[in-house]
Each structure stands twice: as structure tokens, then as C-alpha cells.
C-alpha atoms as a PDB file:
ATOM      1  CA  MET A   1       0.000   0.000   0.000  1.00  0.00           C
ATOM      2  CA  LEU A   2       1.567   3.267  -1.144  1.00  0.00           C
ATOM      3  CA  ASP A   3       0.389   6.782  -0.420  1.00  0.00           C
ATOM      4  CA  LYS A   4      -0.301   9.215  -3.261  1.00  0.00           C
ATOM      5  CA  ASP A   5       3.356  10.331  -3.236  1.00  0.00           C
ATOM      6  CA  GLY A   6       4.759   6.801  -3.551  1.00  0.00           C
ATOM      7  CA  PHE A   7       5.748   6.213   0.069  1.00  0.00           C
ATOM      8  CA  ARG A   8       4.958   2.986   1.920  1.00  0.00           C
ATOM      9  CA  PRO A   9       3.637   3.476   5.508  1.00  0.00           C
ATOM     10  CA  ASN A  10       6.030   1.932   7.995  1.00  0.00           C
ATOM     11  CA  VAL A  11       6.942   1.916  11.687  1.00  0.00           C
ATOM     12  CA  ALA A  12      10.425   2.010  13.210  1.00  0.00           C
ATOM     13  CA  ILE A  13      11.238   1.027  16.785  1.00  0.00           C
ATOM     14  CA  VAL A  14      13.947   2.269  19.140  1.00  0.00           C
ATOM     15  CA  ILE A  15      14.175   0.074  22.250  1.00  0.00           C
ATOM     16  CA  ALA A  16      16.018   1.502  25.264  1.00  0.00           C
ATOM     17  CA  ASN A  17      17.178  -0.511  28.267  1.00  0.00           C
ATOM     18  CA  HIS A  18      17.320   0.742  31.871  1.00  0.00           C
ATOM     19  CA  ARG A  19      20.715   2.393  31.169  1.00  0.00           C
ATOM     20  CA  ASN A  20      19.269   4.307  28.181  1.00  0.00           C
ATOM     21  CA  GLN A  21      21.287   2.215  25.762  1.00  0.00           C
ATOM     22  CA  VAL A  22      19.443   1.294  22.575  1.00  0.00           C
ATOM     23  CA  PHE A  23      18.968  -1.977  20.717  1.00  0.00           C
ATOM     24  CA  TRP A  24      20.612  -2.397  17.320  1.00  0.00           C
ATOM     25  CA  GLY A  25      20.010  -5.448  15.144  1.00  0.00           C
ATOM     26  CA  LYS A  26      22.449  -6.689  12.512  1.00  0.00           C
ATOM     27  CA  ARG A  27      20.680  -7.461   9.251  1.00  0.00           C
ATOM     28  CA  ILE A  28      20.829 -11.167   8.531  1.00  0.00           C
ATOM     29  CA  ARG A  29      23.873 -12.061   6.421  1.00  0.00           C
ATOM     30  CA  GLU A  30      24.831  -8.361   6.051  1.00  0.00           C
ATOM     31  CA  HIS A  31      27.187  -5.972   7.797  1.00  0.00           C
ATOM     32  CA  SER A  32      24.594  -3.258   8.396  1.00  0.00           C
ATOM     33  CA  TRP A  33      22.887  -2.429  11.675  1.00  0.00           C
ATOM     34  CA  GLN A  34      19.432  -0.963  12.124  1.00  0.00           C
ATOM     35  CA  PHE A  35      16.459  -0.567  14.410  1.00  0.00           C
ATOM     36  CA  PRO A  36      13.504  -2.914  13.973  1.00  0.00           C
ATOM     37  CA  GLN A  37      11.047  -1.632  11.374  1.00  0.00           C
ATOM     38  CA  GLY A  38       8.300  -2.856   9.103  1.00  0.00           C
ATOM     39  CA  GLY A  39       5.286  -2.011   7.010  1.00  0.00           C
ATOM     40  CA  ILE A  40       1.833  -1.076   8.226  1.00  0.00           C
ATOM     41  CA  ASN A  41      -0.817  -3.419   6.836  1.00  0.00           C
ATOM     42  CA  PRO A  42      -4.060  -2.016   5.369  1.00  0.00           C
ATOM     43  CA  GLY A  43      -6.456  -1.177   8.218  1.00  0.00           C
ATOM     44  CA  GLU A  44      -3.714  -1.557  10.853  1.00  0.00           C
ATOM     45  CA  SER A  45      -2.876   1.334  13.191  1.00  0.00           C
ATOM     46  CA  PRO A  46       0.769   2.388  13.557  1.00  0.00           C
ATOM     47  CA  GLU A  47       0.744   1.191  17.187  1.00  0.00           C
ATOM     48  CA  ALA A  48      -0.651  -2.234  16.237  1.00  0.00           C
ATOM     49  CA  ALA A  49       1.974  -2.512  13.473  1.00  0.00           C
ATOM     50  CA  MET A  50       4.681  -1.553  15.961  1.00  0.00           C
ATOM     51  CA  TYR A  51       3.680  -4.348  18.365  1.00  0.00           C
ATOM     52  CA  ARG A  52       3.433  -6.872  15.505  1.00  0.00           C
ATOM     53  CA  GLU A  53       6.860  -5.912  14.133  1.00  0.00           C
ATOM     54  CA  LEU A  54       8.344  -5.878  17.639  1.00  0.00           C
ATOM     55  CA  HIS A  55       7.344  -9.498  18.097  1.00  0.00           C
ATOM     56  CA  GLU A  56       8.230 -10.639  14.563  1.00  0.00           C
ATOM     57  CA  GLU A  57      11.693  -9.076  14.538  1.00  0.00           C
ATOM     58  CA  VAL A  58      12.900  -9.305  18.141  1.00  0.00           C
ATOM     59  CA  GLY A  59      10.413 -11.572  19.927  1.00  0.00           C
ATOM     60  CA  LEU A  60       9.174  -8.964  22.417  1.00  0.00           C
ATOM     61  CA  ARG A  61       5.536  -8.730  23.484  1.00  0.00           C
ATOM     62  CA  PRO A  62       3.619  -5.695  24.818  1.00  0.00           C
ATOM     63  CA  GLU A  63       4.276  -6.757  28.424  1.00  0.00           C
ATOM     64  CA  HIS A  64       8.044  -6.574  27.786  1.00  0.00           C
ATOM     65  CA  VAL A  65       8.007  -2.871  26.868  1.00  0.00           C
ATOM     66  CA  GLN A  66       6.594   0.515  27.791  1.00  0.00           C
ATOM     67  CA  ILE A  67       5.923   3.162  25.143  1.00  0.00           C
ATOM     68  CA  LEU A  68       7.879   6.317  26.041  1.00  0.00           C
ATOM     69  CA  GLY A  69       6.915   8.331  22.972  1.00  0.00           C
ATOM     70  CA  ARG A  70       6.581   8.509  19.199  1.00  0.00           C
ATOM     71  CA  THR A  71       7.331  10.962  16.440  1.00  0.00           C
ATOM     72  CA  ARG A  72       4.662  13.607  15.838  1.00  0.00           C
ATOM     73  CA  ASP A  73       4.576  13.136  12.077  1.00  0.00           C
ATOM     74  CA  TRP A  74       5.816  10.799   9.386  1.00  0.00           C
ATOM     75  CA  LEU A  75       9.556  10.809   8.678  1.00  0.00           C
ATOM     76  CA  ARG A  76      10.389   9.932   5.062  1.00  0.00           C
ATOM     77  CA  TYR A  77      13.329   8.505   3.205  1.00  0.00           C
ATOM     78  CA  GLU A  78      13.703   7.798  -0.484  1.00  0.00           C
ATOM     79  CA  VAL A  79      15.126   4.514  -1.683  1.00  0.00           C
ATOM     80  CA  PRO A  80      17.700   4.723  -4.512  1.00  0.00           C
ATOM     81  CA  SER A  81      16.203   3.512  -7.796  1.00  0.00           C
ATOM     82  CA  SER A  82      18.828   0.755  -8.023  1.00  0.00           C
ATOM     83  CA  TRP A  83      17.295  -0.772  -4.850  1.00  0.00           C
ATOM     84  CA  ILE A  84      13.710  -0.673  -6.124  1.00  0.00           C
ATOM     85  CA  LYS A  85      12.243  -3.799  -7.728  1.00  0.00           C
ATOM     86  CA  ARG A  86      11.634  -3.335 -11.434  1.00  0.00           C
ATOM     87  CA  GLU A  87       7.848  -3.782 -11.112  1.00  0.00           C
ATOM     88  CA  TRP A  88       7.660  -0.986  -8.486  1.00  0.00           C
ATOM     89  CA  ARG A  89       9.746   1.576 -10.392  1.00  0.00           C
ATOM     90  CA  GLY A  90       7.816   4.703 -11.295  1.00  0.00           C
ATOM     91  CA  ASN A  91       5.385   4.265  -8.372  1.00  0.00           C
ATOM     92  CA  TYR A  92       7.475   3.527  -5.275  1.00  0.00           C
ATOM     93  CA  ARG A  93       9.730   6.275  -3.861  1.00  0.00           C
ATOM     94  CA  GLY A  94      10.500   5.069  -0.344  1.00  0.00           C
ATOM     95  CA  GLN A  95       9.107   4.758   3.143  1.00  0.00           C
ATOM     96  CA  LYS A  96       7.295   7.075   5.512  1.00  0.00           C
ATOM     97  CA  GLN A  97       7.686   6.067   9.130  1.00  0.00           C
ATOM     98  CA  ILE A  98       6.232   6.686  12.540  1.00  0.00           C
ATOM     99  CA  TRP A  99       9.030   6.074  15.037  1.00  0.00           C
ATOM    100  CA  TYR A 100       8.394   4.693  18.543  1.00  0.00           C
ATOM    101  CA  LEU A 101      10.695   4.878  21.542  1.00  0.00           C
ATOM    102  CA  LEU A 102      10.146   1.975  23.930  1.00  0.00           C
ATOM    103  CA  ARG A 103      11.590   1.108  27.331  1.00  0.00           C
ATOM    104  CA  LEU A 104      12.455  -2.563  27.800  1.00  0.00           C
ATOM    105  CA  VAL A 105      10.801  -3.513  31.101  1.00  0.00           C
ATOM    106  CA  GLY A 106      11.460  -7.194  30.497  1.00  0.00           C
ATOM    107  CA  ARG A 107      14.859  -8.864  30.444  1.00  0.00           C
ATOM    108  CA  ASP A 108      17.511  -9.215  27.755  1.00  0.00           C
ATOM    109  CA  ALA A 109      16.605 -12.920  27.705  1.00  0.00           C
ATOM    110  CA  ASP A 110      13.130 -11.952  26.399  1.00  0.00           C
ATOM    111  CA  LEU A 111      14.719 -10.864  23.107  1.00  0.00           C
ATOM    112  CA  ASN A 112      14.401 -13.606  20.494  1.00  0.00           C
ATOM    113  CA  LEU A 113      15.680 -13.011  16.966  1.00  0.00           C
ATOM    114  CA  ARG A 114      14.104 -16.305  15.837  1.00  0.00           C
ATOM    115  CA  ALA A 115      10.512 -15.499  16.882  1.00  0.00           C
ATOM    116  CA  ASP A 116       9.435 -15.377  13.226  1.00  0.00           C
ATOM    117  CA  ALA A 117       9.958 -17.952  10.473  1.00  0.00           C
ATOM    118  CA  LYS A 118      11.826 -15.304   8.415  1.00  0.00           C
ATOM    119  CA  PRO A 119      14.274 -13.622  10.812  1.00  0.00           C
ATOM    120  CA  GLU A 120      15.451 -10.070  10.023  1.00  0.00           C
ATOM    121  CA  PHE A 121      18.520 -10.055  12.300  1.00  0.00           C
ATOM    122  CA  ASP A 122      21.276 -12.524  13.116  1.00  0.00           C
ATOM    123  CA  ALA A 123      22.873 -10.557  15.986  1.00  0.00           C
ATOM    124  CA  TRP A 124      22.091  -7.666  18.303  1.00  0.00           C
ATOM    125  CA  ARG A 125      23.768  -5.280  20.741  1.00  0.00           C
ATOM    126  CA  TRP A 126      23.068  -2.464  23.181  1.00  0.00           C
ATOM    127  CA  THR A 127      24.883   0.796  22.449  1.00  0.00           C
ATOM    128  CA  ASP A 128      24.846   4.426  23.535  1.00  0.00           C
ATOM    129  CA  TYR A 129      21.843   6.419  22.334  1.00  0.00           C
ATOM    130  CA  TRP A 130      24.075   8.749  20.326  1.00  0.00           C
ATOM    131  CA  VAL A 131      26.300   6.531  18.262  1.00  0.00           C
ATOM    132  CA  ASP A 132      28.013   6.938  14.911  1.00  0.00           C
ATOM    133  CA  LEU A 133      25.453   6.043  12.239  1.00  0.00           C
ATOM    134  CA  GLU A 134      28.051   4.748   9.761  1.00  0.00           C
ATOM    135  CA  GLY A 135      26.679   1.209  10.232  1.00  0.00           C
ATOM    136  CA  VAL A 136      23.275   2.339   8.913  1.00  0.00           C
ATOM    137  CA  ILE A 137      22.699   2.163   5.180  1.00  0.00           C
ATOM    138  CA  GLU A 138      23.440   5.629   3.760  1.00  0.00           C
ATOM    139  CA  PHE A 139      19.976   6.556   2.448  1.00  0.00           C
ATOM    140  CA  LYS A 140      18.424   5.987   5.909  1.00  0.00           C
ATOM    141  CA  ARG A 141      20.957   7.947   7.997  1.00  0.00           C
ATOM    142  CA  ASP A 142      19.173  11.320   7.949  1.00  0.00           C
ATOM    143  CA  VAL A 143      15.837   9.839   9.005  1.00  0.00           C
ATOM    144  CA  TYR A 144      17.608   7.943  11.830  1.00  0.00           C
ATOM    145  CA  LYS A 145      19.280  11.146  13.004  1.00  0.00           C
ATOM    146  CA  ASN A 146      16.011  13.125  12.855  1.00  0.00           C
ATOM    147  CA  ALA A 147      14.086  10.402  14.683  1.00  0.00           C
ATOM    148  CA  LEU A 148      16.696  10.152  17.450  1.00  0.00           C
ATOM    149  CA  ILE A 149      16.695  13.940  17.885  1.00  0.00           C
ATOM    150  CA  GLU A 150      12.903  14.045  18.167  1.00  0.00           C
ATOM    151  CA  LEU A 151      12.605  11.024  20.471  1.00  0.00           C
ATOM    152  CA  GLU A 152      15.430  11.963  22.822  1.00  0.00           C
ATOM    153  CA  ARG A 153      13.184  14.249  24.872  1.00  0.00           C
ATOM    154  CA  PHE A 154      11.205  11.195  26.016  1.00  0.00           C
ATOM    155  CA  LEU A 155      14.326   9.317  27.070  1.00  0.00           C
ATOM    156  CA  HIS A 156      15.836  12.143  29.086  1.00  0.00           C
ATOM    157  CA  SER A 157      12.653  13.839  30.264  1.00  0.00           C
ATOM    158  CA  ASN A 158      13.991  14.232  33.801  1.00  0.00           C
ATOM    159  CA  ARG A 159      17.316  15.806  32.738  1.00  0.00           C
ATOM    160  CA  PRO A 160      18.507  18.589  30.459  1.00  0.00           C
ATOM    161  CA  SER A 161      18.953  17.580  26.846  1.00  0.00           C
ATOM    162  CA  MET A 162      21.671  15.035  26.273  1.00  0.00           C
ATOM    163  CA  ARG A 163      21.633  15.596  22.497  1.00  0.00           C
ATOM    164  CA  ARG A 164      25.021  15.757  20.868  1.00  0.00           C
ATOM    165  CA  ASP A 165      25.674  17.978  17.858  1.00  0.00           C
ATOM    166  CA  ARG A 166      27.875  15.282  16.419  1.00  0.00           C
ATOM    167  CA  PHE A 167      27.547  11.549  16.795  1.00  0.00           C
ATOM    168  CA  HIS A 168      30.496   9.971  18.556  1.00  0.00           C
ATOM    169  CA  GLY A 169      32.144   6.584  18.157  1.00  0.00           C
ATOM    170  CA  ALA A 170      30.438   3.441  19.397  1.00  0.00           C
ATOM    171  CA  ARG A 171      31.677   3.270  22.974  1.00  0.00           C
ATOM    172  CA  GLY A 172      30.332   1.052  25.692  1.00  0.00           C
ATOM    173  CA  LEU A 173      29.055  -1.725  23.444  1.00  0.00           C
ATOM    174  CA  GLU A 174      27.979  -4.928  25.092  1.00  0.00           C
ATOM    175  CA  SER A 175      28.558  -8.183  23.237  1.00  0.00           C
ATOM    176  CA  HIS A 176      25.849 -10.732  22.626  1.00  0.00           C
ATOM    177  CA  GLU A 177      25.846 -13.991  20.769  1.00  0.00           C
ATOM    178  CA  GLY A 178      24.320 -13.970  17.331  1.00  0.00           C
ATOM    179  CA  ALA A 179      22.014 -16.726  16.151  1.00  0.00           C
ATOM    180  CA  ASP A 180      25.032 -18.770  15.053  1.00  0.00           C
ATOM    181  CA  GLY A 181      26.600 -18.577  18.546  1.00  0.00           C
ATOM    182  CA  GLU A 182      29.313 -16.172  17.405  1.00  0.00           C
ATOM    183  CA  SER A 183      30.116 -13.319  19.782  1.00  0.00           C
ATOM    184  CA  VAL A 184      29.107  -9.972  18.352  1.00  0.00           C
ATOM    185  CA  THR A 185      31.007  -6.782  19.139  1.00  0.00           C
ATOM    186  CA  GLY A 186      31.817  -3.544  17.402  1.00  0.00           C
ATOM    187  CA  ARG A 187      30.430  -2.748  13.959  1.00  0.00           C
END
């Protein structure tokens, strides 16, 4: 389902732990990292799509998280034409997303990258909220930056803004085993 401008409705999910570190998933068989995201089905609300995608991609259920906030409006990114399937060219431009910031109230052990028959990620990590976005595919970086800027106020609502003008290197990463049992660290 595309809107009149050629954008597919989508949700993106930033999950924060109790230390305000955020979840990053490594795309299966790729070297790129991203937040969980997925399309909104016809007749589905953004919140319902968020909970569905949350379970499909990382195995979390509503009782494992608390919604801290969401973006006010859609954030859009265009997909390079070389990435668009031939049959969609001329109609499809990219994605428009509502971003959610969630607090993990469950445990790390509740995360399950194999909850769905078609897993999206093969590894995951917690990292600082403001991290270098070099691991994110280039055409999505601006929307990631804008979403993180807008959502930060919900994460640090009891403190002055922690926003950084520049993203810094990925410090303080925790390692976790990927689906193949390999330890995952760094980019």
C-alpha cells in the first residue's frame, strides 16, 4: 500500500534498556545495523503494526516494553532507484515512518531473533543512544538522526537535553551472541 506520493507506511522502533542504551540489530547475512522496522498493513494502526513488528523481529511482546513516545509526524526517506524492484519503479519512492521509543521492562533474555519464520537479524547489541550512524545504510541515515533527535526528549525527560551535535564513536558496546553462537562486538 503506497500513499499518493509513492511512500509505503512503515513503523520504526527504538528500544532503550534501563541504562538508556538502545537496541541495534544486525541485518541477517549483512554488515549493516538498524532498528527494527516494518510495514503497516491495510487497516492496521501504527501502534498495532509496531507491536506486531516488535514481536516478529525481536520476539518482544507488549508486556516486555513501555511506550515512552513517538514521532509527531511521518519521517520519510527515499530509496535509490537501483534498490527498487523493477515492477515498483515509477510508483514507489520510499518509506514514511512513525518512530516509537520503547523502554524494555522485560529482560535481555526476552529478546528472540528467531521469533518469526523469516528472521530479520542474526545478531544484536546495546549501544549508547548517540552513536556513529556509519553502520546504517546511507539513504536511511538522515531519518535515523532526525528520529533520534525528536525522540530523545522522552528518554531524558527528567534531565537537560543530552543531544550531541555530532555523533560519537560506538563506545560502551555490550557483546551478545548472534544466532550462530558467534560473539558480536563492534560494527
